[in-house]
mmCIF file of all heavy atoms, coordinates in Angstrom:
data_MODEL
# 
_entry.id   MODEL 
# 
loop_
_atom_site.group_PDB 
_atom_site.id 
_atom_site.type_symbol 
_atom_site.label_atom_id 
_atom_site.label_alt_id 
_atom_site.label_comp_id 
_atom_site.label_asym_id 
_atom_site.label_entity_id 
_atom_site.label_seq_id 
_atom_site.pdbx_PDB_ins_code 
_atom_site.Cartn_x 
_atom_site.Cartn_y 
_atom_site.Cartn_z 
_atom_site.occupancy 
_atom_site.B_iso_or_equiv 
_atom_site.pdbx_formal_charge 
_atom_site.auth_seq_id 
_atom_site.auth_comp_id 
_atom_site.auth_asym_id 
_atom_site.auth_atom_id 
_atom_site.pdbx_PDB_model_num 
ATOM 1   N N   . VAL A 1 1  ? 0.842   -1.198  0.000  1.00 0.00 ? 1  VAL A N   1 
ATOM 2   C CA  . VAL A 1 1  ? 0.000   0.000   0.000  1.00 0.00 ? 1  VAL A CA  1 
ATOM 3   C C   . VAL A 1 1  ? 0.872   1.241   0.000  1.00 0.00 ? 1  VAL A C   1 
ATOM 4   O O   . VAL A 1 1  ? 1.995   1.239   0.509  1.00 0.00 ? 1  VAL A O   1 
ATOM 5   C CB  . VAL A 1 1  ? -0.955  0.036   1.222  1.00 0.00 ? 1  VAL A CB  1 
ATOM 6   C CG1 . VAL A 1 1  ? -1.823  -1.188  1.276  1.00 0.00 ? 1  VAL A CG1 1 
ATOM 7   C CG2 . VAL A 1 1  ? -0.178  0.193   2.528  1.00 0.00 ? 1  VAL A CG2 1 
ATOM 8   N N   . ASP A 1 2  ? 0.336   2.299   -0.571 1.00 0.00 ? 2  ASP A N   1 
ATOM 9   C CA  . ASP A 1 2  ? 0.999   3.593   -0.505 1.00 0.00 ? 2  ASP A CA  1 
ATOM 10  C C   . ASP A 1 2  ? 1.026   4.068   0.945  1.00 0.00 ? 2  ASP A C   1 
ATOM 11  O O   . ASP A 1 2  ? 0.117   3.768   1.729  1.00 0.00 ? 2  ASP A O   1 
ATOM 12  C CB  . ASP A 1 2  ? 0.240   4.603   -1.370 1.00 0.00 ? 2  ASP A CB  1 
ATOM 13  C CG  . ASP A 1 2  ? 1.024   5.874   -1.605 1.00 0.00 ? 2  ASP A CG  1 
ATOM 14  O OD1 . ASP A 1 2  ? 1.008   6.758   -0.719 1.00 0.00 ? 2  ASP A OD1 1 
ATOM 15  O OD2 . ASP A 1 2  ? 1.641   5.999   -2.675 1.00 0.00 ? 2  ASP A OD2 1 
ATOM 16  N N   . GLU A 1 3  ? 2.061   4.812   1.296  1.00 0.00 ? 3  GLU A N   1 
ATOM 17  C CA  . GLU A 1 3  ? 2.172   5.318   2.674  1.00 0.00 ? 3  GLU A CA  1 
ATOM 18  C C   . GLU A 1 3  ? 0.966   6.153   3.080  1.00 0.00 ? 3  GLU A C   1 
ATOM 19  O O   . GLU A 1 3  ? 0.604   6.211   4.261  1.00 0.00 ? 3  GLU A O   1 
ATOM 20  C CB  . GLU A 1 3  ? 3.452   6.147   2.790  1.00 0.00 ? 3  GLU A CB  1 
ATOM 21  C CG  . GLU A 1 3  ? 3.771   6.611   4.201  1.00 0.00 ? 3  GLU A CG  1 
ATOM 22  C CD  . GLU A 1 3  ? 3.756   8.125   4.338  1.00 0.00 ? 3  GLU A CD  1 
ATOM 23  O OE1 . GLU A 1 3  ? 3.611   8.812   3.311  1.00 0.00 ? 3  GLU A OE1 1 
ATOM 24  O OE2 . GLU A 1 3  ? 3.850   8.614   5.474  1.00 0.00 ? 3  GLU A OE2 1 
ATOM 25  N N   . SER A 1 4  ? 0.285   6.755   2.118  1.00 0.00 ? 4  SER A N   1 
ATOM 26  C CA  . SER A 1 4  ? -0.889  7.569   2.404  1.00 0.00 ? 4  SER A CA  1 
ATOM 27  C C   . SER A 1 4  ? -2.029  6.757   3.009  1.00 0.00 ? 4  SER A C   1 
ATOM 28  O O   . SER A 1 4  ? -2.873  7.298   3.719  1.00 0.00 ? 4  SER A O   1 
ATOM 29  C CB  . SER A 1 4  ? -1.387  8.242   1.123  1.00 0.00 ? 4  SER A CB  1 
ATOM 30  O OG  . SER A 1 4  ? -0.398  9.094   0.591  1.00 0.00 ? 4  SER A OG  1 
ATOM 31  N N   . PHE A 1 5  ? -2.074  5.452   2.707  1.00 0.00 ? 5  PHE A N   1 
ATOM 32  C CA  . PHE A 1 5  ? -3.142  4.592   3.224  1.00 0.00 ? 5  PHE A CA  1 
ATOM 33  C C   . PHE A 1 5  ? -2.639  3.643   4.307  1.00 0.00 ? 5  PHE A C   1 
ATOM 34  O O   . PHE A 1 5  ? -3.331  2.686   4.670  1.00 0.00 ? 5  PHE A O   1 
ATOM 35  C CB  . PHE A 1 5  ? -3.754  3.734   2.100  1.00 0.00 ? 5  PHE A CB  1 
ATOM 36  C CG  . PHE A 1 5  ? -3.873  4.421   0.778  1.00 0.00 ? 5  PHE A CG  1 
ATOM 37  C CD1 . PHE A 1 5  ? -3.452  3.787   -0.382 1.00 0.00 ? 5  PHE A CD1 1 
ATOM 38  C CD2 . PHE A 1 5  ? -4.400  5.697   0.677  1.00 0.00 ? 5  PHE A CD2 1 
ATOM 39  C CE1 . PHE A 1 5  ? -3.556  4.403   -1.617 1.00 0.00 ? 5  PHE A CE1 1 
ATOM 40  C CE2 . PHE A 1 5  ? -4.503  6.334   -0.552 1.00 0.00 ? 5  PHE A CE2 1 
ATOM 41  C CZ  . PHE A 1 5  ? -4.087  5.682   -1.703 1.00 0.00 ? 5  PHE A CZ  1 
ATOM 42  N N   . ALA A 1 6  ? -1.451  3.880   4.816  1.00 0.00 ? 6  ALA A N   1 
ATOM 43  C CA  . ALA A 1 6  ? -0.833  2.927   5.745  1.00 0.00 ? 6  ALA A CA  1 
ATOM 44  C C   . ALA A 1 6  ? -1.642  2.750   7.026  1.00 0.00 ? 6  ALA A C   1 
ATOM 45  O O   . ALA A 1 6  ? -1.781  1.633   7.532  1.00 0.00 ? 6  ALA A O   1 
ATOM 46  C CB  . ALA A 1 6  ? 0.584   3.372   6.087  1.00 0.00 ? 6  ALA A CB  1 
ATOM 47  N N   . SER A 1 7  ? -2.195  3.832   7.544  1.00 0.00 ? 7  SER A N   1 
ATOM 48  C CA  . SER A 1 7  ? -2.892  3.758   8.827  1.00 0.00 ? 7  SER A CA  1 
ATOM 49  C C   . SER A 1 7  ? -4.127  2.866   8.761  1.00 0.00 ? 7  SER A C   1 
ATOM 50  O O   . SER A 1 7  ? -4.289  1.941   9.560  1.00 0.00 ? 7  SER A O   1 
ATOM 51  C CB  . SER A 1 7  ? -3.290  5.168   9.295  1.00 0.00 ? 7  SER A CB  1 
ATOM 52  O OG  . SER A 1 7  ? -3.882  5.118   10.577 1.00 0.00 ? 7  SER A OG  1 
ATOM 53  N N   . VAL A 1 8  ? -5.006  3.116   7.798  1.00 0.00 ? 8  VAL A N   1 
ATOM 54  C CA  . VAL A 1 8  ? -6.221  2.306   7.685  1.00 0.00 ? 8  VAL A CA  1 
ATOM 55  C C   . VAL A 1 8  ? -5.883  0.879   7.276  1.00 0.00 ? 8  VAL A C   1 
ATOM 56  O O   . VAL A 1 8  ? -6.514  -0.079  7.739  1.00 0.00 ? 8  VAL A O   1 
ATOM 57  C CB  . VAL A 1 8  ? -7.235  2.944   6.713  1.00 0.00 ? 8  VAL A CB  1 
ATOM 58  C CG1 . VAL A 1 8  ? -6.733  2.943   5.279  1.00 0.00 ? 8  VAL A CG1 1 
ATOM 59  C CG2 . VAL A 1 8  ? -8.586  2.258   6.815  1.00 0.00 ? 8  VAL A CG2 1 
ATOM 60  N N   . SER A 1 9  ? -4.863  0.699   6.432  1.00 0.00 ? 9  SER A N   1 
ATOM 61  C CA  . SER A 1 9  ? -4.462  -0.643  6.009  1.00 0.00 ? 9  SER A CA  1 
ATOM 62  C C   . SER A 1 9  ? -3.922  -1.443  7.185  1.00 0.00 ? 9  SER A C   1 
ATOM 63  O O   . SER A 1 9  ? -4.243  -2.625  7.348  1.00 0.00 ? 9  SER A O   1 
ATOM 64  C CB  . SER A 1 9  ? -3.407  -0.552  4.905  1.00 0.00 ? 9  SER A CB  1 
ATOM 65  O OG  . SER A 1 9  ? -3.909  0.142   3.780  1.00 0.00 ? 9  SER A OG  1 
ATOM 66  N N   . GLN A 1 10 ? -3.119  -0.800  8.014  1.00 0.00 ? 10 GLN A N   1 
ATOM 67  C CA  . GLN A 1 10 ? -2.572  -1.474  9.189  1.00 0.00 ? 10 GLN A CA  1 
ATOM 68  C C   . GLN A 1 10 ? -3.680  -1.848  10.165 1.00 0.00 ? 10 GLN A C   1 
ATOM 69  O O   . GLN A 1 10 ? -3.688  -2.946  10.723 1.00 0.00 ? 10 GLN A O   1 
ATOM 70  C CB  . GLN A 1 10 ? -1.546  -0.573  9.883  1.00 0.00 ? 10 GLN A CB  1 
ATOM 71  C CG  . GLN A 1 10 ? -0.899  -1.219  11.097 1.00 0.00 ? 10 GLN A CG  1 
ATOM 72  C CD  . GLN A 1 10 ? 0.120   -0.310  11.766 1.00 0.00 ? 10 GLN A CD  1 
ATOM 73  O OE1 . GLN A 1 10 ? 0.174   0.882   11.499 1.00 0.00 ? 10 GLN A OE1 1 
ATOM 74  N NE2 . GLN A 1 10 ? 0.938   -0.873  12.631 1.00 0.00 ? 10 GLN A NE2 1 
ATOM 75  N N   . ALA A 1 11 ? -4.621  -0.941  10.376 1.00 0.00 ? 11 ALA A N   1 
ATOM 76  C CA  . ALA A 1 11 ? -5.722  -1.208  11.294 1.00 0.00 ? 11 ALA A CA  1 
ATOM 77  C C   . ALA A 1 11 ? -6.549  -2.402  10.820 1.00 0.00 ? 11 ALA A C   1 
ATOM 78  O O   . ALA A 1 11 ? -6.950  -3.259  11.626 1.00 0.00 ? 11 ALA A O   1 
ATOM 79  C CB  . ALA A 1 11 ? -6.604  0.035   11.436 1.00 0.00 ? 11 ALA A CB  1 
ATOM 80  N N   . LEU A 1 12 ? -6.815  -2.478  9.527  1.00 0.00 ? 12 LEU A N   1 
ATOM 81  C CA  . LEU A 1 12 ? -7.609  -3.586  8.986  1.00 0.00 ? 12 LEU A CA  1 
ATOM 82  C C   . LEU A 1 12 ? -6.864  -4.914  9.067  1.00 0.00 ? 12 LEU A C   1 
ATOM 83  O O   . LEU A 1 12 ? -7.444  -5.937  9.446  1.00 0.00 ? 12 LEU A O   1 
ATOM 84  C CB  . LEU A 1 12 ? -7.997  -3.288  7.544  1.00 0.00 ? 12 LEU A CB  1 
ATOM 85  C CG  . LEU A 1 12 ? -9.113  -2.249  7.346  1.00 0.00 ? 12 LEU A CG  1 
ATOM 86  C CD1 . LEU A 1 12 ? -9.180  -1.806  5.892  1.00 0.00 ? 12 LEU A CD1 1 
ATOM 87  C CD2 . LEU A 1 12 ? -10.464 -2.811  7.788  1.00 0.00 ? 12 LEU A CD2 1 
ATOM 88  N N   . THR A 1 13 ? -5.570  -4.913  8.711  1.00 0.00 ? 13 THR A N   1 
ATOM 89  C CA  . THR A 1 13 ? -4.814  -6.162  8.761  1.00 0.00 ? 13 THR A CA  1 
ATOM 90  C C   . THR A 1 13 ? -4.660  -6.658  10.198 1.00 0.00 ? 13 THR A C   1 
ATOM 91  O O   . THR A 1 13 ? -4.770  -7.858  10.459 1.00 0.00 ? 13 THR A O   1 
ATOM 92  C CB  . THR A 1 13 ? -3.430  -6.010  8.112  1.00 0.00 ? 13 THR A CB  1 
ATOM 93  O OG1 . THR A 1 13 ? -2.728  -4.919  8.723  1.00 0.00 ? 13 THR A OG1 1 
ATOM 94  C CG2 . THR A 1 13 ? -3.545  -5.759  6.617  1.00 0.00 ? 13 THR A CG2 1 
ATOM 95  N N   . GLU A 1 14 ? -4.428  -5.747  11.131 1.00 0.00 ? 14 GLU A N   1 
ATOM 96  C CA  . GLU A 1 14 ? -4.287  -6.151  12.528 1.00 0.00 ? 14 GLU A CA  1 
ATOM 97  C C   . GLU A 1 14 ? -5.587  -6.738  13.063 1.00 0.00 ? 14 GLU A C   1 
ATOM 98  O O   . GLU A 1 14 ? -5.575  -7.736  13.794 1.00 0.00 ? 14 GLU A O   1 
ATOM 99  C CB  . GLU A 1 14 ? -3.857  -4.949  13.379 1.00 0.00 ? 14 GLU A CB  1 
ATOM 100 C CG  . GLU A 1 14 ? -2.402  -4.544  13.157 1.00 0.00 ? 14 GLU A CG  1 
ATOM 101 C CD  . GLU A 1 14 ? -2.004  -3.338  13.986 1.00 0.00 ? 14 GLU A CD  1 
ATOM 102 O OE1 . GLU A 1 14 ? -2.886  -2.714  14.614 1.00 0.00 ? 14 GLU A OE1 1 
ATOM 103 O OE2 . GLU A 1 14 ? -0.792  -3.010  13.999 1.00 0.00 ? 14 GLU A OE2 1 
ATOM 104 N N   . ARG A 1 15 ? -6.706  -6.136  12.699 1.00 0.00 ? 15 ARG A N   1 
ATOM 105 C CA  . ARG A 1 15 ? -7.998  -6.649  13.156 1.00 0.00 ? 15 ARG A CA  1 
ATOM 106 C C   . ARG A 1 15 ? -8.276  -8.012  12.543 1.00 0.00 ? 15 ARG A C   1 
ATOM 107 O O   . ARG A 1 15 ? -8.793  -8.909  13.213 1.00 0.00 ? 15 ARG A O   1 
ATOM 108 C CB  . ARG A 1 15 ? -9.117  -5.657  12.785 1.00 0.00 ? 15 ARG A CB  1 
ATOM 109 C CG  . ARG A 1 15 ? -10.491 -6.066  13.311 1.00 0.00 ? 15 ARG A CG  1 
ATOM 110 C CD  . ARG A 1 15 ? -10.521 -5.989  14.836 1.00 0.00 ? 15 ARG A CD  1 
ATOM 111 N NE  . ARG A 1 15 ? -11.760 -6.492  15.384 1.00 0.00 ? 15 ARG A NE  1 
ATOM 112 C CZ  . ARG A 1 15 ? -11.997 -7.760  15.698 1.00 0.00 ? 15 ARG A CZ  1 
ATOM 113 N NH1 . ARG A 1 15 ? -11.033 -8.665  15.511 1.00 0.00 ? 15 ARG A NH1 1 
ATOM 114 N NH2 . ARG A 1 15 ? -13.144 -8.137  16.211 1.00 0.00 ? 15 ARG A NH2 1 
ATOM 115 N N   . TYR A 1 16 ? -7.934  -8.172  11.294 1.00 0.00 ? 16 TYR A N   1 
ATOM 116 C CA  . TYR A 1 16 ? -8.172  -9.457  10.630 1.00 0.00 ? 16 TYR A CA  1 
ATOM 117 C C   . TYR A 1 16 ? -7.318  -10.554 11.257 1.00 0.00 ? 16 TYR A C   1 
ATOM 118 O O   . TYR A 1 16 ? -7.809  -11.659 11.533 1.00 0.00 ? 16 TYR A O   1 
ATOM 119 C CB  . TYR A 1 16 ? -7.862  -9.337  9.142  1.00 0.00 ? 16 TYR A CB  1 
ATOM 120 C CG  . TYR A 1 16 ? -8.271  -10.562 8.351  1.00 0.00 ? 16 TYR A CG  1 
ATOM 121 C CD1 . TYR A 1 16 ? -9.574  -10.708 7.884  1.00 0.00 ? 16 TYR A CD1 1 
ATOM 122 C CD2 . TYR A 1 16 ? -7.349  -11.579 8.063  1.00 0.00 ? 16 TYR A CD2 1 
ATOM 123 C CE1 . TYR A 1 16 ? -9.959  -11.832 7.160  1.00 0.00 ? 16 TYR A CE1 1 
ATOM 124 C CE2 . TYR A 1 16 ? -7.727  -12.707 7.349  1.00 0.00 ? 16 TYR A CE2 1 
ATOM 125 C CZ  . TYR A 1 16 ? -9.031  -12.820 6.894  1.00 0.00 ? 16 TYR A CZ  1 
ATOM 126 O OH  . TYR A 1 16 ? -9.415  -13.942 6.190  1.00 0.00 ? 16 TYR A OH  1 
ATOM 127 N N   . MET A 1 17 ? -6.043  -10.266 11.491 1.00 0.00 ? 17 MET A N   1 
ATOM 128 C CA  . MET A 1 17 ? -5.153  -11.277 12.059 1.00 0.00 ? 17 MET A CA  1 
ATOM 129 C C   . MET A 1 17 ? -5.539  -11.618 13.497 1.00 0.00 ? 17 MET A C   1 
ATOM 130 O O   . MET A 1 17 ? -5.336  -12.745 13.949 1.00 0.00 ? 17 MET A O   1 
ATOM 131 C CB  . MET A 1 17 ? -3.698  -10.805 11.967 1.00 0.00 ? 17 MET A CB  1 
ATOM 132 C CG  . MET A 1 17 ? -3.160  -10.776 10.545 1.00 0.00 ? 17 MET A CG  1 
ATOM 133 S SD  . MET A 1 17 ? -1.383  -10.406 10.425 1.00 0.00 ? 17 MET A SD  1 
ATOM 134 C CE  . MET A 1 17 ? -1.351  -8.672  10.909 1.00 0.00 ? 17 MET A CE  1 
ATOM 135 N N   . ALA A 1 18 ? -6.100  -10.646 14.218 1.00 0.00 ? 18 ALA A N   1 
ATOM 136 C CA  . ALA A 1 18 ? -6.591  -10.934 15.565 1.00 0.00 ? 18 ALA A CA  1 
ATOM 137 C C   . ALA A 1 18 ? -7.799  -11.858 15.503 1.00 0.00 ? 18 ALA A C   1 
ATOM 138 O O   . ALA A 1 18 ? -7.990  -12.718 16.368 1.00 0.00 ? 18 ALA A O   1 
ATOM 139 C CB  . ALA A 1 18 ? -6.956  -9.634  16.279 1.00 0.00 ? 18 ALA A CB  1 
ATOM 140 N N   . HIS A 1 19 ? -8.615  -11.676 14.463 1.00 0.00 ? 19 HIS A N   1 
ATOM 141 C CA  . HIS A 1 19 ? -9.810  -12.507 14.274 1.00 0.00 ? 19 HIS A CA  1 
ATOM 142 C C   . HIS A 1 19 ? -9.434  -13.913 13.820 1.00 0.00 ? 19 HIS A C   1 
ATOM 143 O O   . HIS A 1 19 ? -10.084 -14.896 14.188 1.00 0.00 ? 19 HIS A O   1 
ATOM 144 C CB  . HIS A 1 19 ? -10.730 -11.838 13.258 1.00 0.00 ? 19 HIS A CB  1 
ATOM 145 C CG  . HIS A 1 19 ? -12.134 -12.342 13.278 1.00 0.00 ? 19 HIS A CG  1 
ATOM 146 N ND1 . HIS A 1 19 ? -12.967 -12.189 14.364 1.00 0.00 ? 19 HIS A ND1 1 
ATOM 147 C CD2 . HIS A 1 19 ? -12.863 -13.008 12.345 1.00 0.00 ? 19 HIS A CD2 1 
ATOM 148 C CE1 . HIS A 1 19 ? -14.141 -12.722 14.097 1.00 0.00 ? 19 HIS A CE1 1 
ATOM 149 N NE2 . HIS A 1 19 ? -14.105 -13.239 12.888 1.00 0.00 ? 19 HIS A NE2 1 
ATOM 150 N N   . TYR A 1 20 ? -8.366  -13.989 13.002 1.00 0.00 ? 20 TYR A N   1 
ATOM 151 C CA  . TYR A 1 20 ? -7.874  -15.280 12.506 1.00 0.00 ? 20 TYR A CA  1 
ATOM 152 C C   . TYR A 1 20 ? -6.393  -15.406 12.861 1.00 0.00 ? 20 TYR A C   1 
ATOM 153 O O   . TYR A 1 20 ? -5.514  -15.021 12.074 1.00 0.00 ? 20 TYR A O   1 
ATOM 154 C CB  . TYR A 1 20 ? -8.065  -15.384 10.990 1.00 0.00 ? 20 TYR A CB  1 
ATOM 155 C CG  . TYR A 1 20 ? -9.511  -15.327 10.552 1.00 0.00 ? 20 TYR A CG  1 
ATOM 156 C CD1 . TYR A 1 20 ? -10.026 -14.189 9.919  1.00 0.00 ? 20 TYR A CD1 1 
ATOM 157 C CD2 . TYR A 1 20 ? -10.375 -16.407 10.760 1.00 0.00 ? 20 TYR A CD2 1 
ATOM 158 C CE1 . TYR A 1 20 ? -11.350 -14.135 9.525  1.00 0.00 ? 20 TYR A CE1 1 
ATOM 159 C CE2 . TYR A 1 20 ? -11.698 -16.360 10.367 1.00 0.00 ? 20 TYR A CE2 1 
ATOM 160 C CZ  . TYR A 1 20 ? -12.186 -15.212 9.748  1.00 0.00 ? 20 TYR A CZ  1 
ATOM 161 O OH  . TYR A 1 20 ? -13.499 -15.159 9.353  1.00 0.00 ? 20 TYR A OH  1 
ATOM 162 N N   . PRO A 1 21 ? -6.092  -15.939 14.049 1.00 0.00 ? 21 PRO A N   1 
ATOM 163 C CA  . PRO A 1 21 ? -4.704  -15.971 14.548 1.00 0.00 ? 21 PRO A CA  1 
ATOM 164 C C   . PRO A 1 21 ? -3.730  -16.764 13.684 1.00 0.00 ? 21 PRO A C   1 
ATOM 165 O O   . PRO A 1 21 ? -2.518  -16.585 13.805 1.00 0.00 ? 21 PRO A O   1 
ATOM 166 C CB  . PRO A 1 21 ? -4.856  -16.620 15.933 1.00 0.00 ? 21 PRO A CB  1 
ATOM 167 C CG  . PRO A 1 21 ? -6.287  -16.420 16.315 1.00 0.00 ? 21 PRO A CG  1 
ATOM 168 C CD  . PRO A 1 21 ? -7.046  -16.464 15.029 1.00 0.00 ? 21 PRO A CD  1 
ATOM 169 N N   . ASN A 1 22 ? -4.233  -17.647 12.834 1.00 0.00 ? 22 ASN A N   1 
ATOM 170 C CA  . ASN A 1 22 ? -3.350  -18.446 11.995 1.00 0.00 ? 22 ASN A CA  1 
ATOM 171 C C   . ASN A 1 22 ? -3.024  -17.775 10.662 1.00 0.00 ? 22 ASN A C   1 
ATOM 172 O O   . ASN A 1 22 ? -2.485  -18.418 9.761  1.00 0.00 ? 22 ASN A O   1 
ATOM 173 C CB  . ASN A 1 22 ? -3.970  -19.824 11.734 1.00 0.00 ? 22 ASN A CB  1 
ATOM 174 C CG  . ASN A 1 22 ? -4.034  -20.667 13.003 1.00 0.00 ? 22 ASN A CG  1 
ATOM 175 O OD1 . ASN A 1 22 ? -3.145  -20.605 13.847 1.00 0.00 ? 22 ASN A OD1 1 
ATOM 176 N ND2 . ASN A 1 22 ? -5.092  -21.447 13.146 1.00 0.00 ? 22 ASN A ND2 1 
ATOM 177 N N   . THR A 1 23 ? -3.375  -16.504 10.538 1.00 0.00 ? 23 THR A N   1 
ATOM 178 C CA  . THR A 1 23 ? -3.058  -15.768 9.315  1.00 0.00 ? 23 THR A CA  1 
ATOM 179 C C   . THR A 1 23 ? -1.977  -14.730 9.589  1.00 0.00 ? 23 THR A C   1 
ATOM 180 O O   . THR A 1 23 ? -1.831  -14.256 10.712 1.00 0.00 ? 23 THR A O   1 
ATOM 181 C CB  . THR A 1 23 ? -4.293  -15.048 8.746  1.00 0.00 ? 23 THR A CB  1 
ATOM 182 O OG1 . THR A 1 23 ? -4.752  -14.069 9.701  1.00 0.00 ? 23 THR A OG1 1 
ATOM 183 C CG2 . THR A 1 23 ? -5.412  -16.034 8.458  1.00 0.00 ? 23 THR A CG2 1 
ATOM 184 N N   . LYS A 1 24 ? -1.244  -14.391 8.541  1.00 0.00 ? 24 LYS A N   1 
ATOM 185 C CA  . LYS A 1 24 ? -0.246  -13.334 8.636  1.00 0.00 ? 24 LYS A CA  1 
ATOM 186 C C   . LYS A 1 24 ? -0.248  -12.545 7.332  1.00 0.00 ? 24 LYS A C   1 
ATOM 187 O O   . LYS A 1 24 ? 0.014   -13.092 6.261  1.00 0.00 ? 24 LYS A O   1 
ATOM 188 C CB  . LYS A 1 24 ? 1.149   -13.904 8.894  1.00 0.00 ? 24 LYS A CB  1 
ATOM 189 C CG  . LYS A 1 24 ? 2.205   -12.817 9.134  1.00 0.00 ? 24 LYS A CG  1 
ATOM 190 C CD  . LYS A 1 24 ? 3.559   -13.409 9.486  1.00 0.00 ? 24 LYS A CD  1 
ATOM 191 C CE  . LYS A 1 24 ? 4.573   -12.314 9.769  1.00 0.00 ? 24 LYS A CE  1 
ATOM 192 N NZ  . LYS A 1 24 ? 5.911   -12.875 10.072 1.00 0.00 ? 24 LYS A NZ  1 
ATOM 193 N N   . ILE A 1 25 ? -0.567  -11.258 7.433  1.00 0.00 ? 25 ILE A N   1 
ATOM 194 C CA  . ILE A 1 25 ? -0.556  -10.371 6.275  1.00 0.00 ? 25 ILE A CA  1 
ATOM 195 C C   . ILE A 1 25 ? 0.589   -9.389  6.464  1.00 0.00 ? 25 ILE A C   1 
ATOM 196 O O   . ILE A 1 25 ? 0.548   -8.532  7.350  1.00 0.00 ? 25 ILE A O   1 
ATOM 197 C CB  . ILE A 1 25 ? -1.899  -9.632  6.120  1.00 0.00 ? 25 ILE A CB  1 
ATOM 198 C CG1 . ILE A 1 25 ? -3.048  -10.634 5.981  1.00 0.00 ? 25 ILE A CG1 1 
ATOM 199 C CG2 . ILE A 1 25 ? -1.850  -8.693  4.911  1.00 0.00 ? 25 ILE A CG2 1 
ATOM 200 C CD1 . ILE A 1 25 ? -4.420  -9.994  5.948  1.00 0.00 ? 25 ILE A CD1 1 
ATOM 201 N N   . ASN A 1 26 ? 1.609   -9.528  5.654  1.00 0.00 ? 26 ASN A N   1 
ATOM 202 C CA  . ASN A 1 26 ? 2.790   -8.668  5.744  1.00 0.00 ? 26 ASN A CA  1 
ATOM 203 C C   . ASN A 1 26 ? 2.526   -7.377  4.970  1.00 0.00 ? 26 ASN A C   1 
ATOM 204 O O   . ASN A 1 26 ? 2.443   -7.395  3.736  1.00 0.00 ? 26 ASN A O   1 
ATOM 205 C CB  . ASN A 1 26 ? 4.013   -9.379  5.180  1.00 0.00 ? 26 ASN A CB  1 
ATOM 206 C CG  . ASN A 1 26 ? 4.351   -10.640 5.955  1.00 0.00 ? 26 ASN A CG  1 
ATOM 207 O OD1 . ASN A 1 26 ? 4.537   -10.603 7.160  1.00 0.00 ? 26 ASN A OD1 1 
ATOM 208 N ND2 . ASN A 1 26 ? 4.418   -11.767 5.257  1.00 0.00 ? 26 ASN A ND2 1 
ATOM 209 N N   . LEU A 1 27 ? 2.387   -6.287  5.705  1.00 0.00 ? 27 LEU A N   1 
ATOM 210 C CA  . LEU A 1 27 ? 2.081   -4.995  5.089  1.00 0.00 ? 27 LEU A CA  1 
ATOM 211 C C   . LEU A 1 27 ? 3.372   -4.325  4.643  1.00 0.00 ? 27 LEU A C   1 
ATOM 212 O O   . LEU A 1 27 ? 4.264   -4.077  5.448  1.00 0.00 ? 27 LEU A O   1 
ATOM 213 C CB  . LEU A 1 27 ? 1.335   -4.117  6.096  1.00 0.00 ? 27 LEU A CB  1 
ATOM 214 C CG  . LEU A 1 27 ? 0.655   -2.873  5.540  1.00 0.00 ? 27 LEU A CG  1 
ATOM 215 C CD1 . LEU A 1 27 ? -0.438  -3.242  4.552  1.00 0.00 ? 27 LEU A CD1 1 
ATOM 216 C CD2 . LEU A 1 27 ? 0.063   -2.044  6.679  1.00 0.00 ? 27 LEU A CD2 1 
# 
């Protein structure tokens, strides 16, 4: 992702990985 969208992208990936602990999305 572009740095301009880093905050919302990080928030979404962190929430998803918390919901599914066996996943890893490298931002």
